[in-house]
Structure formats: structure tokens, C-alpha cells
Amino acid sequence: MSAETATEAPTIDELRHEIDRLDAEILAAVKRRTEVSQAIGKARMASGGTRLVHSREMKVIERYSELGPDGKDLAMLLLRLGRGRLGH
């Protein structure tokens, strides 16, 4: 391993800074997704529709399943944030 290669590799602190930046972006996106989802639910119910659309939720779960079993769990959490817990 040459000295040039060692200086090109990001440091742990640099990588942690990138994770912190990504976390901030993810949190902002999740908050916005929640707002949009709640607005859709309110509009749907105001027009006489149902609280949720099962086929749409299944598409979201399928999309996140790309990440494996934890992806499905993540999708379920995002859906719950947007509509609240069912049955409550």
C-alpha cells in the first residue's frame, strides 16, 4: 500500500461526517414524506374515499423489499408515520 493510496482514503471522521449529512437528508425526506402522505389521506377521506389504499401500500412495501426483510420493516414504519397506526 503506497502513501498515495493511504492519503486518498477517507478518514473515519470524514466518513462519519458523511453519515451525519446523509442522516439529516434522510430525516428531512421522511418528514416531508409523512406530511405528503397525511395530506393525501385527508384529501382521500374528504372526497369519500378510504383511509388507505391497500394496493398502494403493497407497492411501497414491495419497493422497500429491495433492502431485504429490514426493508419491509422500514416500509411499514414509513407507512405508519404517514397514516398512523391502524385500529387506533
N, C-alpha and C. Protein backbone atom coordinates (compact mmCIF):
# COMPACT_ATOMS: atom_id res chain seq x y z
N MET A 1 0.84 -1.17 0.00
CA MET A 1 0.00 0.00 0.00
C MET A 1 0.89 1.23 0.00
N SER A 2 0.73 2.07 -0.96
CA SER A 2 1.58 3.25 -1.07
C SER A 2 1.05 4.37 -0.19
N ALA A 3 1.90 5.36 0.07
CA ALA A 3 1.49 6.52 0.86
C ALA A 3 0.39 7.29 0.13
N GLU A 4 0.44 7.28 -1.21
CA GLU A 4 -0.57 7.98 -2.00
C GLU A 4 -1.95 7.37 -1.79
N THR A 5 -2.02 6.05 -1.75
CA THR A 5 -3.30 5.36 -1.54
C THR A 5 -3.85 5.67 -0.15
N ALA A 6 -2.96 5.68 0.85
CA ALA A 6 -3.40 5.94 2.23
C ALA A 6 -3.97 7.34 2.37
N THR A 7 -3.41 8.33 1.68
CA THR A 7 -3.92 9.70 1.81
C THR A 7 -5.21 9.90 1.03
N GLU A 8 -5.49 9.05 0.05
CA GLU A 8 -6.71 9.18 -0.74
C GLU A 8 -7.92 8.60 -0.01
N ALA A 9 -7.70 7.65 0.86
CA ALA A 9 -8.82 7.01 1.55
C ALA A 9 -9.41 7.99 2.57
N PRO A 10 -10.73 8.07 2.62
CA PRO A 10 -11.35 8.97 3.60
C PRO A 10 -11.08 8.49 5.02
N THR A 11 -10.96 9.44 5.92
CA THR A 11 -10.74 9.09 7.32
C THR A 11 -12.08 8.68 7.95
N ILE A 12 -11.98 8.06 9.11
CA ILE A 12 -13.20 7.68 9.83
C ILE A 12 -14.04 8.91 10.14
N ASP A 13 -13.39 9.99 10.54
CA ASP A 13 -14.13 11.23 10.83
C ASP A 13 -14.84 11.76 9.60
N GLU A 14 -14.18 11.70 8.44
CA GLU A 14 -14.82 12.15 7.20
C GLU A 14 -16.02 11.28 6.85
N LEU A 15 -15.87 9.98 7.03
CA LEU A 15 -16.98 9.06 6.75
C LEU A 15 -18.13 9.29 7.72
N ARG A 16 -17.81 9.53 8.98
CA ARG A 16 -18.87 9.82 9.96
C ARG A 16 -19.58 11.13 9.63
N HIS A 17 -18.83 12.10 9.18
CA HIS A 17 -19.44 13.37 8.76
C HIS A 17 -20.41 13.13 7.60
N GLU A 18 -20.01 12.28 6.67
CA GLU A 18 -20.89 11.96 5.54
C GLU A 18 -22.15 11.25 6.03
N ILE A 19 -22.00 10.33 6.98
CA ILE A 19 -23.18 9.66 7.54
C ILE A 19 -24.10 10.67 8.22
N ASP A 20 -23.52 11.60 8.97
CA ASP A 20 -24.34 12.63 9.63
C ASP A 20 -25.10 13.46 8.60
N ARG A 21 -24.44 13.80 7.51
CA ARG A 21 -25.09 14.57 6.44
C ARG A 21 -26.21 13.76 5.80
N LEU A 22 -25.93 12.49 5.53
CA LEU A 22 -26.95 11.61 4.95
C LEU A 22 -28.13 11.43 5.90
N ASP A 23 -27.85 11.28 7.20
CA ASP A 23 -28.93 11.15 8.18
C ASP A 23 -29.83 12.39 8.17
N ALA A 24 -29.22 13.57 8.08
CA ALA A 24 -30.01 14.80 8.03
C ALA A 24 -30.90 14.82 6.79
N GLU A 25 -30.37 14.39 5.66
CA GLU A 25 -31.16 14.33 4.42
C GLU A 25 -32.29 13.31 4.55
N ILE A 26 -31.98 12.16 5.13
CA ILE A 26 -33.00 11.11 5.29
C ILE A 26 -34.11 11.60 6.21
N LEU A 27 -33.75 12.22 7.33
CA LEU A 27 -34.77 12.74 8.25
C LEU A 27 -35.65 13.77 7.59
N ALA A 28 -35.05 14.67 6.83
CA ALA A 28 -35.84 15.69 6.13
C ALA A 28 -36.78 15.03 5.12
N ALA A 29 -36.29 14.03 4.41
CA ALA A 29 -37.13 13.34 3.42
C ALA A 29 -38.26 12.57 4.09
N VAL A 30 -37.98 11.93 5.23
CA VAL A 30 -39.02 11.18 5.94
C VAL A 30 -40.09 12.13 6.47
N LYS A 31 -39.66 13.27 7.01
CA LYS A 31 -40.63 14.26 7.50
C LYS A 31 -41.51 14.75 6.35
N ARG A 32 -40.91 15.05 5.22
CA ARG A 32 -41.68 15.52 4.07
C ARG A 32 -42.60 14.42 3.56
N ARG A 33 -42.11 13.19 3.51
CA ARG A 33 -42.94 12.06 3.05
C ARG A 33 -44.15 11.91 3.96
N THR A 34 -43.94 12.05 5.26
CA THR A 34 -45.03 11.94 6.23
C THR A 34 -46.08 13.02 5.99
N GLU A 35 -45.62 14.26 5.78
CA GLU A 35 -46.55 15.36 5.51
C GLU A 35 -47.38 15.10 4.25
N VAL A 36 -46.72 14.66 3.20
CA VAL A 36 -47.41 14.41 1.93
C VAL A 36 -48.40 13.27 2.09
N SER A 37 -47.99 12.21 2.77
CA SER A 37 -48.86 11.06 2.97
C SER A 37 -50.10 11.45 3.77
N GLN A 38 -49.91 12.25 4.82
CA GLN A 38 -51.05 12.69 5.62
C GLN A 38 -51.99 13.58 4.80
N ALA A 39 -51.43 14.43 3.96
CA ALA A 39 -52.26 15.29 3.11
C ALA A 39 -53.08 14.45 2.13
N ILE A 40 -52.46 13.42 1.57
CA ILE A 40 -53.18 12.52 0.65
C ILE A 40 -54.32 11.83 1.39
N GLY A 41 -54.05 11.33 2.59
CA GLY A 41 -55.08 10.64 3.37
C GLY A 41 -56.26 11.56 3.68
N LYS A 42 -55.96 12.79 4.07
CA LYS A 42 -57.03 13.75 4.38
C LYS A 42 -57.86 14.06 3.14
N ALA A 43 -57.18 14.27 2.01
CA ALA A 43 -57.89 14.57 0.76
C ALA A 43 -58.74 13.38 0.33
N ARG A 44 -58.20 12.19 0.47
CA ARG A 44 -58.94 10.99 0.07
C ARG A 44 -60.18 10.82 0.93
N MET A 45 -60.05 10.99 2.23
CA MET A 45 -61.20 10.84 3.13
C MET A 45 -62.22 11.96 2.93
N ALA A 46 -61.76 13.18 2.66
CA ALA A 46 -62.67 14.30 2.43
C ALA A 46 -63.52 14.09 1.18
N SER A 47 -62.98 13.33 0.23
CA SER A 47 -63.73 13.07 -1.00
C SER A 47 -64.52 11.76 -0.92
N GLY A 48 -64.62 11.21 0.29
CA GLY A 48 -65.41 10.00 0.48
C GLY A 48 -64.65 8.70 0.28
N GLY A 49 -63.36 8.80 0.11
CA GLY A 49 -62.54 7.60 -0.09
C GLY A 49 -62.18 6.94 1.22
N THR A 50 -61.42 5.88 1.11
CA THR A 50 -60.98 5.14 2.29
C THR A 50 -59.74 5.78 2.90
N ARG A 51 -59.45 5.42 4.13
CA ARG A 51 -58.29 5.96 4.83
C ARG A 51 -56.99 5.54 4.15
N LEU A 52 -56.97 4.33 3.63
CA LEU A 52 -55.76 3.86 2.95
C LEU A 52 -56.15 3.04 1.73
N VAL A 53 -55.18 2.88 0.87
CA VAL A 53 -55.37 2.07 -0.34
C VAL A 53 -54.38 0.91 -0.24
N HIS A 54 -54.92 -0.28 0.02
CA HIS A 54 -54.09 -1.46 0.26
C HIS A 54 -53.11 -1.72 -0.89
N SER A 55 -53.58 -1.63 -2.12
CA SER A 55 -52.70 -1.92 -3.26
C SER A 55 -51.53 -0.94 -3.31
N ARG A 56 -51.78 0.31 -2.95
CA ARG A 56 -50.71 1.31 -2.94
C ARG A 56 -49.69 0.98 -1.84
N GLU A 57 -50.19 0.61 -0.67
CA GLU A 57 -49.28 0.26 0.42
C GLU A 57 -48.44 -0.97 0.07
N MET A 58 -49.05 -1.93 -0.61
CA MET A 58 -48.30 -3.12 -1.02
C MET A 58 -47.19 -2.76 -2.01
N LYS A 59 -47.43 -1.79 -2.88
CA LYS A 59 -46.38 -1.35 -3.81
C LYS A 59 -45.22 -0.71 -3.06
N VAL A 60 -45.54 0.07 -2.03
CA VAL A 60 -44.48 0.69 -1.22
C VAL A 60 -43.66 -0.40 -0.53
N ILE A 61 -44.33 -1.37 0.07
CA ILE A 61 -43.63 -2.46 0.75
C ILE A 61 -42.77 -3.24 -0.24
N GLU A 62 -43.30 -3.49 -1.42
CA GLU A 62 -42.53 -4.21 -2.45
C GLU A 62 -41.28 -3.42 -2.84
N ARG A 63 -41.42 -2.11 -2.99
CA ARG A 63 -40.28 -1.27 -3.36
C ARG A 63 -39.17 -1.37 -2.31
N TYR A 64 -39.54 -1.28 -1.04
CA TYR A 64 -38.55 -1.31 0.03
C TYR A 64 -38.01 -2.71 0.29
N SER A 65 -38.70 -3.73 -0.19
CA SER A 65 -38.23 -5.11 -0.03
C SER A 65 -36.91 -5.34 -0.75
N GLU A 66 -36.55 -4.42 -1.64
CA GLU A 66 -35.24 -4.46 -2.30
C GLU A 66 -34.12 -4.49 -1.25
N LEU A 67 -34.40 -3.94 -0.07
CA LEU A 67 -33.41 -3.89 1.01
C LEU A 67 -33.44 -5.14 1.88
N GLY A 68 -34.27 -6.12 1.53
CA GLY A 68 -34.37 -7.34 2.31
C GLY A 68 -35.45 -7.23 3.37
N PRO A 69 -35.46 -8.16 4.34
CA PRO A 69 -36.50 -8.16 5.37
C PRO A 69 -36.58 -6.84 6.15
N ASP A 70 -35.44 -6.24 6.43
CA ASP A 70 -35.46 -4.96 7.13
C ASP A 70 -36.08 -3.86 6.27
N GLY A 71 -35.98 -3.99 4.96
CA GLY A 71 -36.60 -3.03 4.06
C GLY A 71 -38.12 -3.05 4.20
N LYS A 72 -38.66 -4.25 4.36
CA LYS A 72 -40.11 -4.37 4.57
C LYS A 72 -40.50 -3.68 5.87
N ASP A 73 -39.71 -3.90 6.92
CA ASP A 73 -39.98 -3.24 8.20
C ASP A 73 -39.90 -1.73 8.07
N LEU A 74 -38.91 -1.25 7.33
CA LEU A 74 -38.76 0.18 7.11
C LEU A 74 -39.99 0.74 6.39
N ALA A 75 -40.46 0.03 5.38
CA ALA A 75 -41.65 0.46 4.64
C ALA A 75 -42.85 0.54 5.57
N MET A 76 -43.01 -0.46 6.42
CA MET A 76 -44.13 -0.46 7.36
C MET A 76 -44.06 0.74 8.31
N LEU A 77 -42.87 1.06 8.77
CA LEU A 77 -42.70 2.22 9.65
C LEU A 77 -43.03 3.52 8.92
N LEU A 78 -42.57 3.65 7.69
CA LEU A 78 -42.87 4.85 6.91
C LEU A 78 -44.37 4.98 6.67
N LEU A 79 -45.01 3.87 6.35
CA LEU A 79 -46.46 3.90 6.13
C LEU A 79 -47.19 4.30 7.41
N ARG A 80 -46.75 3.76 8.54
CA ARG A 80 -47.38 4.09 9.82
C ARG A 80 -47.19 5.56 10.16
N LEU A 81 -46.01 6.10 9.88
CA LEU A 81 -45.78 7.53 10.13
C LEU A 81 -46.75 8.39 9.32
N GLY A 82 -47.03 7.96 8.12
CA GLY A 82 -47.89 8.74 7.23
C GLY A 82 -49.36 8.65 7.53
N ARG A 83 -49.80 7.53 8.08
CA ARG A 83 -51.24 7.34 8.29
C ARG A 83 -51.61 7.08 9.73
N GLY A 84 -50.64 6.84 10.58
CA GLY A 84 -50.92 6.46 11.96
C GLY A 84 -51.16 4.96 12.04
N ARG A 85 -51.22 4.46 13.25
CA ARG A 85 -51.46 3.02 13.45
C ARG A 85 -52.89 2.69 13.09
N LEU A 86 -53.08 1.58 12.46
CA LEU A 86 -54.44 1.14 12.12
C LEU A 86 -55.13 0.61 13.37
N GLY A 87 -56.43 0.85 13.45
CA GLY A 87 -57.21 0.35 14.56
C GLY A 87 -57.12 1.20 15.81
N HIS A 88 -56.49 2.36 15.72
CA HIS A 88 -56.36 3.25 16.89
C HIS A 88 -57.03 4.56 16.61
